[in-house]
Amino acid sequence: MTARPARRLVVLALPAALACGATPGPAVAAAPTGTTVVTQARSGDVVTIARGRTLELRLTACLASCGFRYETERRPDPSVLRFRSSRVETPEQPQDGPPVVGGSSTKVVRYRATGRGTTRLALRLVGPEGTVDQRFRLTVRVR
């Protein structure tokens, strides 16, 4: 029995789409105590956190190996939300065989809620040609 051509296309395209971060994943992931984790699924939302807590953005996409990168488009008010760190988590490479190219990576940006108030932040995903592929926006209320 042979698969229909359309089914073969879906079977072949789905893993590639998932590897490049097409699925945003859960809106809030497990986090250390005192940390609120936000993913792409919350773009455009308002998040309320307590002063002193850490806000961690986890944005997944096909980054360095595909030529994409996240850039800060709007910095939050540092009297409300102060930048702490930024890093890219990449999947482990296989021990045997060539390195994996084109897989998704996660940009992790951490902020500390420093004072009461409301601020906004935005990041843009820029492609290899310099065009903006997507934007992530968040309004943060610190109480």
N, C-alpha and C. Protein backbone atom coordinates (compact mmCIF):
# COMPACT_ATOMS: atom_id res chain seq x y z
N MET A 1 0.84 -1.17 0.00
CA MET A 1 0.00 0.00 0.00
C MET A 1 0.89 1.24 0.00
N THR A 2 0.64 2.18 -0.90
CA THR A 2 1.46 3.38 -0.99
C THR A 2 0.69 4.57 -0.43
N ALA A 3 1.45 5.49 0.15
CA ALA A 3 0.83 6.70 0.71
C ALA A 3 0.50 7.66 -0.42
N ARG A 4 -0.55 8.41 -0.23
CA ARG A 4 -0.90 9.44 -1.20
C ARG A 4 0.17 10.52 -1.19
N PRO A 5 0.43 11.17 -2.34
CA PRO A 5 1.46 12.21 -2.38
C PRO A 5 1.25 13.32 -1.35
N ALA A 6 0.02 13.74 -1.13
CA ALA A 6 -0.23 14.82 -0.15
C ALA A 6 0.15 14.39 1.25
N ARG A 7 -0.12 13.15 1.59
CA ARG A 7 0.24 12.66 2.93
C ARG A 7 1.76 12.61 3.08
N ARG A 8 2.46 12.20 2.02
CA ARG A 8 3.92 12.16 2.08
C ARG A 8 4.48 13.56 2.32
N LEU A 9 3.89 14.54 1.66
CA LEU A 9 4.34 15.91 1.82
C LEU A 9 4.18 16.37 3.26
N VAL A 10 3.04 16.08 3.87
CA VAL A 10 2.80 16.47 5.26
C VAL A 10 3.77 15.75 6.18
N VAL A 11 3.99 14.47 5.96
CA VAL A 11 4.90 13.70 6.80
C VAL A 11 6.31 14.24 6.70
N LEU A 12 6.73 14.68 5.52
CA LEU A 12 8.08 15.22 5.35
C LEU A 12 8.19 16.67 5.84
N ALA A 13 7.14 17.46 5.68
CA ALA A 13 7.20 18.88 6.04
C ALA A 13 7.04 19.12 7.53
N LEU A 14 6.27 18.29 8.22
CA LEU A 14 6.01 18.52 9.64
C LEU A 14 7.28 18.53 10.48
N PRO A 15 8.18 17.53 10.37
CA PRO A 15 9.39 17.60 11.20
C PRO A 15 10.24 18.83 10.90
N ALA A 16 10.31 19.25 9.64
CA ALA A 16 11.08 20.44 9.29
C ALA A 16 10.47 21.68 9.93
N ALA A 17 9.15 21.79 9.88
CA ALA A 17 8.48 22.95 10.47
C ALA A 17 8.68 22.98 11.98
N LEU A 18 8.58 21.84 12.62
CA LEU A 18 8.77 21.79 14.07
C LEU A 18 10.21 22.13 14.44
N ALA A 19 11.18 21.67 13.64
CA ALA A 19 12.58 21.93 13.93
C ALA A 19 12.90 23.42 13.84
N CYS A 20 12.18 24.16 13.02
CA CYS A 20 12.44 25.59 12.86
C CYS A 20 11.58 26.44 13.77
N GLY A 21 10.92 25.81 14.74
CA GLY A 21 10.19 26.58 15.74
C GLY A 21 8.81 27.02 15.29
N ALA A 22 8.19 26.32 14.36
CA ALA A 22 6.87 26.71 13.88
C ALA A 22 5.81 26.59 14.96
N THR A 23 6.02 25.72 15.92
CA THR A 23 5.07 25.56 17.01
C THR A 23 5.59 26.34 18.21
N PRO A 24 4.83 27.30 18.74
CA PRO A 24 5.34 28.15 19.80
C PRO A 24 5.54 27.46 21.13
N GLY A 25 4.93 26.32 21.35
CA GLY A 25 5.07 25.62 22.62
C GLY A 25 4.17 26.23 23.67
N PRO A 26 4.32 25.81 24.91
CA PRO A 26 3.45 26.32 25.97
C PRO A 26 3.70 27.79 26.22
N ALA A 27 2.66 28.49 26.67
CA ALA A 27 2.78 29.93 26.92
C ALA A 27 3.67 30.22 28.12
N VAL A 28 3.62 29.38 29.13
CA VAL A 28 4.46 29.55 30.31
C VAL A 28 5.09 28.20 30.62
N ALA A 29 6.41 28.17 30.69
CA ALA A 29 7.14 26.93 30.93
C ALA A 29 7.53 26.83 32.40
N ALA A 30 8.01 25.65 32.78
CA ALA A 30 8.48 25.45 34.15
C ALA A 30 9.67 26.38 34.40
N ALA A 31 9.75 26.93 35.60
CA ALA A 31 10.80 27.90 35.89
C ALA A 31 11.26 27.76 37.32
N PRO A 32 12.49 28.23 37.59
CA PRO A 32 12.94 28.24 38.98
C PRO A 32 12.05 29.16 39.81
N THR A 33 12.03 28.95 41.10
CA THR A 33 11.24 29.80 41.99
C THR A 33 11.65 31.25 41.80
N GLY A 34 10.67 32.13 41.75
CA GLY A 34 10.95 33.55 41.57
C GLY A 34 11.10 33.98 40.13
N THR A 35 10.85 33.05 39.18
CA THR A 35 10.99 33.36 37.76
C THR A 35 9.68 33.09 37.04
N THR A 36 9.27 34.05 36.22
CA THR A 36 8.11 33.88 35.35
C THR A 36 8.63 33.73 33.94
N VAL A 37 8.29 32.61 33.29
CA VAL A 37 8.77 32.33 31.93
C VAL A 37 7.65 32.59 30.94
N VAL A 38 7.98 33.32 29.87
CA VAL A 38 7.02 33.67 28.84
C VAL A 38 7.58 33.24 27.48
N THR A 39 6.73 32.64 26.64
CA THR A 39 7.13 32.21 25.29
C THR A 39 6.39 33.03 24.23
N GLN A 40 6.67 32.72 22.95
CA GLN A 40 6.03 33.42 21.83
C GLN A 40 4.52 33.44 21.92
N ALA A 41 3.93 32.41 22.49
CA ALA A 41 2.47 32.32 22.55
C ALA A 41 1.86 33.50 23.30
N ARG A 42 2.63 34.20 24.11
CA ARG A 42 2.12 35.33 24.90
C ARG A 42 2.39 36.68 24.23
N SER A 43 2.90 36.68 23.02
CA SER A 43 3.17 37.94 22.33
C SER A 43 1.90 38.78 22.25
N GLY A 44 2.01 40.06 22.60
CA GLY A 44 0.87 40.96 22.60
C GLY A 44 0.11 41.00 23.91
N ASP A 45 0.46 40.13 24.84
CA ASP A 45 -0.24 40.04 26.12
C ASP A 45 0.30 41.03 27.16
N VAL A 46 -0.41 41.08 28.28
CA VAL A 46 0.01 41.82 29.46
C VAL A 46 0.35 40.78 30.52
N VAL A 47 1.54 40.88 31.09
CA VAL A 47 1.98 39.96 32.14
C VAL A 47 2.19 40.78 33.41
N THR A 48 1.65 40.30 34.53
CA THR A 48 1.83 40.97 35.81
C THR A 48 2.74 40.12 36.69
N ILE A 49 3.79 40.75 37.22
CA ILE A 49 4.71 40.04 38.11
C ILE A 49 4.99 40.92 39.33
N ALA A 50 5.48 40.29 40.37
CA ALA A 50 5.80 41.01 41.61
C ALA A 50 7.21 41.60 41.51
N ARG A 51 7.39 42.73 42.19
CA ARG A 51 8.71 43.34 42.26
C ARG A 51 9.70 42.35 42.86
N GLY A 52 10.90 42.30 42.29
CA GLY A 52 11.92 41.37 42.76
C GLY A 52 11.96 40.07 41.97
N ARG A 53 10.89 39.75 41.25
CA ARG A 53 10.87 38.52 40.45
C ARG A 53 11.68 38.69 39.17
N THR A 54 12.01 37.56 38.55
CA THR A 54 12.71 37.54 37.27
C THR A 54 11.71 37.20 36.18
N LEU A 55 11.78 37.93 35.08
CA LEU A 55 10.99 37.63 33.88
C LEU A 55 11.95 37.02 32.87
N GLU A 56 11.61 35.82 32.39
CA GLU A 56 12.46 35.14 31.41
C GLU A 56 11.68 34.94 30.12
N LEU A 57 12.17 35.52 29.03
CA LEU A 57 11.58 35.31 27.71
C LEU A 57 12.29 34.13 27.07
N ARG A 58 11.52 33.19 26.49
CA ARG A 58 12.09 32.04 25.79
C ARG A 58 11.46 32.02 24.41
N LEU A 59 12.22 32.49 23.42
CA LEU A 59 11.74 32.63 22.05
C LEU A 59 12.48 31.66 21.16
N THR A 60 11.75 30.72 20.58
CA THR A 60 12.34 29.65 19.79
C THR A 60 12.19 29.93 18.30
N ALA A 61 13.27 29.71 17.56
CA ALA A 61 13.26 29.88 16.11
C ALA A 61 14.50 29.19 15.55
N CYS A 62 14.56 29.09 14.25
CA CYS A 62 15.76 28.59 13.59
C CYS A 62 16.73 29.76 13.52
N LEU A 63 17.65 29.85 14.47
CA LEU A 63 18.48 31.04 14.63
C LEU A 63 19.78 30.96 13.82
N ALA A 64 20.91 30.86 14.47
CA ALA A 64 22.21 31.01 13.81
C ALA A 64 22.40 30.10 12.59
N SER A 65 22.01 28.84 12.70
CA SER A 65 22.26 27.93 11.58
C SER A 65 21.40 28.24 10.37
N CYS A 66 20.35 29.05 10.54
CA CYS A 66 19.49 29.47 9.42
C CYS A 66 19.69 30.94 9.06
N GLY A 67 20.52 31.63 9.83
CA GLY A 67 20.78 33.04 9.55
C GLY A 67 19.82 34.00 10.21
N PHE A 68 19.00 33.54 11.16
CA PHE A 68 18.06 34.41 11.85
C PHE A 68 18.64 34.85 13.19
N ARG A 69 18.17 35.99 13.67
CA ARG A 69 18.61 36.49 14.98
C ARG A 69 17.50 37.37 15.57
N TYR A 70 17.43 37.40 16.89
CA TYR A 70 16.51 38.30 17.58
C TYR A 70 17.24 39.59 17.90
N GLU A 71 16.56 40.72 17.68
CA GLU A 71 17.10 42.04 18.02
C GLU A 71 16.09 42.74 18.92
N THR A 72 16.60 43.56 19.83
CA THR A 72 15.71 44.35 20.68
C THR A 72 15.15 45.50 19.85
N GLU A 73 13.85 45.61 19.83
CA GLU A 73 13.19 46.68 19.10
C GLU A 73 12.75 47.80 20.06
N ARG A 74 12.34 47.41 21.25
CA ARG A 74 11.93 48.38 22.27
C ARG A 74 12.42 47.89 23.63
N ARG A 75 13.24 48.69 24.27
CA ARG A 75 13.75 48.35 25.60
C ARG A 75 12.73 48.76 26.66
N PRO A 76 12.57 47.93 27.71
CA PRO A 76 11.66 48.32 28.78
C PRO A 76 12.25 49.45 29.62
N ASP A 77 11.40 50.13 30.35
CA ASP A 77 11.83 51.18 31.27
C ASP A 77 12.66 50.51 32.37
N PRO A 78 13.95 50.84 32.51
CA PRO A 78 14.80 50.16 33.50
C PRO A 78 14.40 50.43 34.95
N SER A 79 13.60 51.47 35.20
CA SER A 79 13.15 51.70 36.57
C SER A 79 12.04 50.71 36.95
N VAL A 80 11.48 50.03 35.95
CA VAL A 80 10.43 49.03 36.17
C VAL A 80 10.96 47.62 35.93
N LEU A 81 11.70 47.45 34.84
CA LEU A 81 12.19 46.13 34.42
C LEU A 81 13.61 46.29 33.89
N ARG A 82 14.58 45.72 34.61
CA ARG A 82 15.99 45.89 34.25
C ARG A 82 16.54 44.63 33.56
N PHE A 83 17.24 44.85 32.44
CA PHE A 83 17.88 43.76 31.70
C PHE A 83 18.93 43.08 32.58
N ARG A 84 18.94 41.74 32.55
CA ARG A 84 19.92 40.96 33.33
C ARG A 84 20.87 40.18 32.43
N SER A 85 20.33 39.42 31.46
CA SER A 85 21.20 38.60 30.62
C SER A 85 20.48 38.15 29.36
N SER A 86 21.28 37.69 28.40
CA SER A 86 20.75 37.17 27.15
C SER A 86 21.68 36.06 26.67
N ARG A 87 21.08 34.97 26.21
CA ARG A 87 21.89 33.86 25.68
C ARG A 87 21.04 33.09 24.67
N VAL A 88 21.70 32.24 23.90
CA VAL A 88 21.01 31.36 22.95
C VAL A 88 21.29 29.93 23.35
N GLU A 89 20.23 29.15 23.54
CA GLU A 89 20.37 27.73 23.84
C GLU A 89 20.20 26.96 22.53
N THR A 90 21.20 26.15 22.20
CA THR A 90 21.12 25.35 20.99
C THR A 90 21.00 23.88 21.36
N PRO A 91 20.35 23.09 20.50
CA PRO A 91 20.22 21.67 20.80
C PRO A 91 21.59 21.00 20.78
N GLU A 92 21.70 19.94 21.56
CA GLU A 92 22.96 19.19 21.59
C GLU A 92 23.21 18.56 20.23
N GLN A 93 24.47 18.57 19.83
CA GLN A 93 24.86 17.95 18.57
C GLN A 93 25.06 16.45 18.80
N PRO A 94 24.77 15.63 17.79
CA PRO A 94 24.95 14.19 17.96
C PRO A 94 26.42 13.84 18.15
N GLN A 95 26.68 12.83 18.96
CA GLN A 95 28.04 12.37 19.19
C GLN A 95 28.62 11.71 17.94
N ASP A 96 27.77 10.94 17.24
CA ASP A 96 28.20 10.24 16.03
C ASP A 96 27.62 10.95 14.82
N GLY A 97 28.43 11.21 13.83
CA GLY A 97 27.92 11.80 12.60
C GLY A 97 28.12 13.30 12.55
N PRO A 98 27.68 13.87 11.44
CA PRO A 98 27.88 15.31 11.23
C PRO A 98 26.97 16.15 12.11
N PRO A 99 27.32 17.42 12.32
CA PRO A 99 26.47 18.30 13.13
C PRO A 99 25.13 18.55 12.44
N VAL A 100 24.12 18.82 13.25
CA VAL A 100 22.78 19.11 12.74
C VAL A 100 22.73 20.58 12.34
N VAL A 101 22.23 20.85 11.14
CA VAL A 101 22.09 22.21 10.64
C VAL A 101 20.61 22.50 10.43
N GLY A 102 20.16 23.70 10.80
CA GLY A 102 18.77 24.08 10.54
C GLY A 102 17.81 23.80 11.67
N GLY A 103 18.31 23.34 12.80
CA GLY A 103 17.43 23.06 13.93
C GLY A 103 17.10 24.33 14.69
N SER A 104 16.08 24.24 15.53
CA SER A 104 15.67 25.43 16.28
C SER A 104 16.56 25.66 17.49
N SER A 105 16.70 26.91 17.85
CA SER A 105 17.42 27.34 19.05
C SER A 105 16.47 28.23 19.84
N THR A 106 16.82 28.49 21.08
CA THR A 106 15.97 29.33 21.92
C THR A 106 16.76 30.53 22.43
N LYS A 107 16.25 31.72 22.14
CA LYS A 107 16.81 32.96 22.68
C LYS A 107 16.21 33.14 24.06
N VAL A 108 17.06 33.24 25.08
CA VAL A 108 16.62 33.39 26.46
C VAL A 108 17.07 34.77 26.94
N VAL A 109 16.11 35.62 27.28
CA VAL A 109 16.41 36.97 27.76
C VAL A 109 15.79 37.10 29.15
N ARG A 110 16.61 37.54 30.12
CA ARG A 110 16.14 37.65 31.50
C ARG A 110 16.15 39.12 31.95
N TYR A 111 15.07 39.48 32.64
CA TYR A 111 14.91 40.81 33.22
C TYR A 111 14.57 40.66 34.70
N ARG A 112 14.86 41.69 35.47
CA ARG A 112 14.51 41.73 36.89
C ARG A 112 13.48 42.84 37.10
N ALA A 113 12.38 42.52 37.77
CA ALA A 113 11.35 43.51 38.09
C ALA A 113 11.87 44.38 39.22
N THR A 114 12.20 45.64 38.91
CA THR A 114 12.89 46.51 39.87
C THR A 114 11.99 47.50 40.57
N GLY A 115 10.90 47.91 39.95
CA GLY A 115 10.03 48.91 40.57
C GLY A 115 8.61 48.80 40.06
N ARG A 116 7.68 49.32 40.83
CA ARG A 116 6.28 49.26 40.43
C ARG A 116 6.05 50.12 39.19
N GLY A 117 5.14 49.63 38.34
CA GLY A 117 4.79 50.38 37.15
C GLY A 117 4.49 49.46 35.98
N THR A 118 4.30 50.06 34.82
CA THR A 118 4.01 49.31 33.60
C THR A 118 5.01 49.74 32.53
N THR A 119 5.53 48.78 31.79
CA THR A 119 6.46 49.06 30.71
C THR A 119 6.21 48.09 29.57
N ARG A 120 6.72 48.42 28.42
CA ARG A 120 6.58 47.54 27.25
C ARG A 120 7.96 47.20 26.71
N LEU A 121 8.05 46.03 26.08
CA LEU A 121 9.27 45.61 25.42
C LEU A 121 8.90 44.94 24.11
N ALA A 122 9.86 44.91 23.19
CA ALA A 122 9.62 44.27 21.90
C ALA A 122 10.94 43.75 21.34
N LEU A 123 10.87 42.56 20.73
CA LEU A 123 12.00 41.98 20.01
C LEU A 123 11.52 41.63 18.61
N ARG A 124 12.42 41.68 17.66
CA ARG A 124 12.08 41.30 16.29
C ARG A 124 13.01 40.19 15.84
N LEU A 125 12.46 39.25 15.08
CA LEU A 125 13.23 38.16 14.49
C LEU A 125 13.62 38.60 13.09
N VAL A 126 14.92 38.77 12.86
CA VAL A 126 15.43 39.28 11.59
C VAL A 126 16.04 38.12 10.80
N GLY A 127 15.66 38.02 9.54
CA GLY A 127 16.15 36.96 8.67
C GLY A 127 17.48 37.29 8.04
N PRO A 128 18.04 36.34 7.28
CA PRO A 128 19.36 36.53 6.68
C PRO A 128 19.42 37.71 5.71
N GLU A 129 18.30 38.09 5.12
CA GLU A 129 18.29 39.22 4.19
C GLU A 129 18.10 40.55 4.92
N GLY A 130 17.95 40.51 6.23
CA GLY A 130 17.75 41.72 7.01
C GLY A 130 16.30 42.12 7.16
N THR A 131 15.38 41.30 6.66
CA THR A 131 13.96 41.61 6.79
C THR A 131 13.42 41.04 8.09
N VAL A 132 12.40 41.72 8.64
CA VAL A 132 11.79 41.28 9.90
C VAL A 132 10.81 40.16 9.58
N ASP A 133 11.04 38.99 10.18
CA ASP A 133 10.18 37.82 9.96
C ASP A 133 8.99 37.83 10.91
N GLN A 134 9.22 38.21 12.17
CA GLN A 134 8.14 38.31 13.15
C GLN A 134 8.56 39.20 14.30
N ARG A 135 7.57 39.62 15.08
CA ARG A 135 7.83 40.47 16.24
C ARG A 135 7.25 39.83 17.49
N PHE A 136 7.91 40.09 18.62
CA PHE A 136 7.41 39.67 19.93
C PHE A 136 7.25 40.94 20.75
N ARG A 137 6.02 41.17 21.24
CA ARG A 137 5.74 42.35 22.06
C ARG A 137 5.11 41.91 23.37
N LEU A 138 5.46 42.61 24.44
CA LEU A 138 4.92 42.26 25.75
C LEU A 138 4.79 43.53 26.59
N THR A 139 3.68 43.64 27.30
CA THR A 139 3.49 44.69 28.30
C THR A 139 3.66 44.03 29.66
N VAL A 140 4.48 44.62 30.49
CA VAL A 140 4.77 44.04 31.81
C VAL A 140 4.33 45.02 32.89
N ARG A 141 3.50 44.52 33.81
CA ARG A 141 3.09 45.29 34.99
C ARG A 141 3.83 44.72 36.19
N VAL A 142 4.47 45.57 36.91
CA VAL A 142 5.17 45.15 38.13
C VAL A 142 4.41 45.74 39.30
N ARG A 143 4.01 44.87 40.24
CA ARG A 143 3.25 45.32 41.40
C ARG A 143 4.07 45.19 42.67
